[in-house]
Amino acid sequence: MSKIDEVRDYIRMSLNENIKLNNWISTQEQVSDDKVGEICKDFLQVLEQFEWAENTIHERGLDQSKISTGAITRLLTAKQKLLEVLETYGVKTVTFTDGMVNAKANIVDTVTDPEKRDGQVVEIRRDGFYRKDKLLRPAEVVVVRND
């Protein structure tokens, strides 16, 4: 075997090893990304508890007392920090670009409004979130439905 053949074999072997390594790295990146997505889903469960507490405070009128104002402020500060952490990991809020309902939302109620188009979002009852191409939590919306 000539020196040139040895070099070719070495290069071929190195390229194959490089391909294997690149495939392994891609697999590890995907596994890591999937884990981050699962952690973000867990954070969204914590966010739901903040939302529940905030709604309960408003429904019971507990936000009228000066004593509770500080606690409410701390609650909302923690909620905002949680949203910032989620944003750091690429979690985004579902939006309705043209004001129309999309696949990232669940319709929870409808209203009649002849001045608006069918499927137009008139209220977001609960924000939805997604990360990259994966929906983590659908938005809950009220849309127009003119029969």
Protein backbone atom coordinates (compact mmCIF):
# COMPACT_ATOMS: atom_id res chain seq x y z
CA MET A 1 0.00 0.00 0.00
CA SER A 2 1.41 3.33 -1.03
CA LYS A 3 1.76 6.33 1.22
CA ILE A 4 -0.97 8.09 -0.79
CA ASP A 5 -3.38 5.18 -0.19
CA GLU A 6 -2.60 5.32 3.52
CA VAL A 7 -3.37 9.04 3.61
CA ARG A 8 -6.61 8.51 1.67
CA ASP A 9 -7.68 5.79 4.08
CA TYR A 10 -6.84 7.99 7.03
CA ILE A 11 -8.83 10.90 5.55
CA ARG A 12 -11.78 8.60 4.77
CA MET A 13 -11.70 7.20 8.30
CA SER A 14 -11.46 10.71 9.76
CA LEU A 15 -14.43 11.89 7.68
CA ASN A 16 -16.52 8.91 8.82
CA GLU A 17 -15.60 9.61 12.45
CA ASN A 18 -16.47 13.27 11.93
CA ILE A 19 -19.89 12.33 10.53
CA LYS A 20 -20.53 10.00 13.48
CA LEU A 21 -19.49 12.70 15.93
CA ASN A 22 -21.71 15.30 14.24
CA ASN A 23 -24.67 12.90 14.39
CA TRP A 24 -24.00 12.22 18.08
CA ILE A 25 -23.77 15.96 18.82
CA SER A 26 -27.06 16.61 16.96
CA THR A 27 -28.77 13.87 18.94
CA GLN A 28 -27.45 15.25 22.23
CA GLU A 29 -28.55 18.78 21.31
CA GLN A 30 -32.06 17.50 20.52
CA VAL A 31 -32.26 15.59 23.80
CA SER A 32 -31.09 18.67 25.68
CA ASP A 33 -33.56 20.89 23.85
CA ASP A 34 -36.40 18.47 24.62
CA LYS A 35 -35.45 18.55 28.31
CA VAL A 36 -35.51 22.35 28.31
CA GLY A 37 -38.98 22.22 26.74
CA GLU A 38 -40.19 19.87 29.48
CA ILE A 39 -38.76 22.15 32.17
CA CYS A 40 -40.55 25.10 30.55
CA LYS A 41 -43.82 23.15 30.72
CA ASP A 42 -43.19 22.66 34.45
CA PHE A 43 -42.62 26.41 34.82
CA LEU A 44 -45.93 27.02 33.05
CA GLN A 45 -47.65 24.97 35.75
CA VAL A 46 -46.14 27.34 38.32
CA LEU A 47 -47.35 30.26 36.19
CA GLU A 48 -50.87 28.79 36.29
CA GLN A 49 -50.74 28.91 40.09
CA PHE A 50 -49.74 32.57 39.97
CA GLU A 51 -52.60 33.27 37.57
CA TRP A 52 -55.04 31.39 39.81
CA ALA A 53 -53.89 33.35 42.87
CA GLU A 54 -54.10 36.65 40.99
CA ASN A 55 -57.63 35.89 39.75
CA THR A 56 -58.75 34.81 43.23
CA ILE A 57 -57.40 38.02 44.73
CA HIS A 58 -59.32 40.13 42.21
CA GLU A 59 -62.52 38.07 42.42
CA ARG A 60 -62.65 38.31 46.22
CA GLY A 61 -61.77 41.99 46.25
CA LEU A 62 -58.65 41.35 48.29
CA ASP A 63 -56.77 43.86 46.18
CA GLN A 64 -58.72 46.71 47.82
CA SER A 65 -56.88 46.52 51.14
CA LYS A 66 -53.66 48.45 51.76
CA ILE A 67 -52.39 45.54 53.83
CA SER A 68 -52.65 43.13 50.93
CA THR A 69 -51.17 45.52 48.35
CA GLY A 70 -47.58 44.63 49.30
CA ALA A 71 -48.26 40.90 49.10
CA ILE A 72 -49.96 41.33 45.75
CA THR A 73 -47.01 43.34 44.45
CA ARG A 74 -44.59 40.60 45.52
CA LEU A 75 -46.80 37.98 43.90
CA LEU A 76 -46.89 39.87 40.62
CA THR A 77 -43.13 40.54 40.78
CA ALA A 78 -42.48 36.79 41.15
CA LYS A 79 -44.87 36.10 38.25
CA GLN A 80 -43.05 38.65 36.07
CA LYS A 81 -39.67 37.13 36.95
CA LEU A 82 -40.99 33.70 35.96
CA LEU A 83 -42.13 35.09 32.60
CA GLU A 84 -38.66 36.60 32.09
CA VAL A 85 -37.00 33.23 32.82
CA LEU A 86 -39.30 31.53 30.32
CA GLU A 87 -38.45 34.18 27.72
CA THR A 88 -34.74 33.54 28.30
CA TYR A 89 -35.33 29.94 27.23
CA GLY A 90 -37.16 30.95 24.07
CA VAL A 91 -40.73 30.64 25.35
CA LYS A 92 -43.02 33.09 23.59
CA THR A 93 -46.60 34.13 24.11
CA VAL A 94 -49.09 33.03 21.47
CA THR A 95 -50.15 36.04 19.41
CA PHE A 96 -52.86 36.54 16.83
CA THR A 97 -51.13 38.38 14.03
CA ASP A 98 -54.20 39.30 12.04
CA GLY A 99 -56.52 39.18 15.05
CA MET A 100 -57.86 35.81 13.93
CA VAL A 101 -57.89 32.58 15.90
CA ASN A 102 -55.18 30.08 14.98
CA ALA A 103 -54.14 26.51 15.78
CA LYS A 104 -52.33 27.66 18.93
CA ALA A 105 -55.63 28.51 20.66
CA ASN A 106 -58.65 26.80 22.10
CA ILE A 107 -61.96 28.61 21.66
CA VAL A 108 -63.68 28.70 25.06
CA ASP A 109 -66.59 30.97 24.13
CA THR A 110 -68.13 32.87 21.23
CA VAL A 111 -69.91 36.20 20.89
CA THR A 112 -71.96 37.78 18.14
CA ASP A 113 -70.65 41.02 16.65
CA PRO A 114 -71.81 41.86 13.12
CA GLU A 115 -69.06 44.49 12.82
CA LYS A 116 -66.31 41.88 13.18
CA ARG A 117 -65.30 38.81 11.18
CA ASP A 118 -66.04 35.25 12.22
CA GLY A 119 -63.04 33.82 14.07
CA GLN A 120 -61.77 37.20 15.20
CA VAL A 121 -60.33 37.06 18.72
CA VAL A 122 -62.14 39.48 21.03
CA GLU A 123 -60.75 38.29 24.36
CA ILE A 124 -57.81 36.23 25.55
CA ARG A 125 -58.87 34.45 28.74
CA ARG A 126 -55.57 32.67 29.22
CA ASP A 127 -52.29 33.29 27.44
CA GLY A 128 -50.81 30.49 25.41
CA PHE A 129 -47.11 29.75 25.10
CA TYR A 130 -44.85 28.03 22.59
CA ARG A 131 -41.15 27.32 22.25
CA LYS A 132 -39.60 26.90 18.84
CA ASP A 133 -42.15 24.85 16.92
CA LYS A 134 -43.79 23.22 19.97
CA LEU A 135 -46.96 24.45 21.63
CA LEU A 136 -46.49 24.29 25.40
CA ARG A 137 -49.90 25.64 26.39
CA PRO A 138 -52.69 26.74 24.04
CA ALA A 139 -54.26 30.14 24.50
CA GLU A 140 -57.89 30.21 25.60
CA VAL A 141 -59.85 32.74 23.59
CA VAL A 142 -63.29 34.15 22.91
CA VAL A 143 -63.99 34.67 19.21
CA VAL A 144 -66.71 36.18 17.06
CA ARG A 145 -69.24 33.82 15.57
CA ASN A 146 -71.99 35.40 13.53
CA ASP A 147 -74.54 32.79 12.54
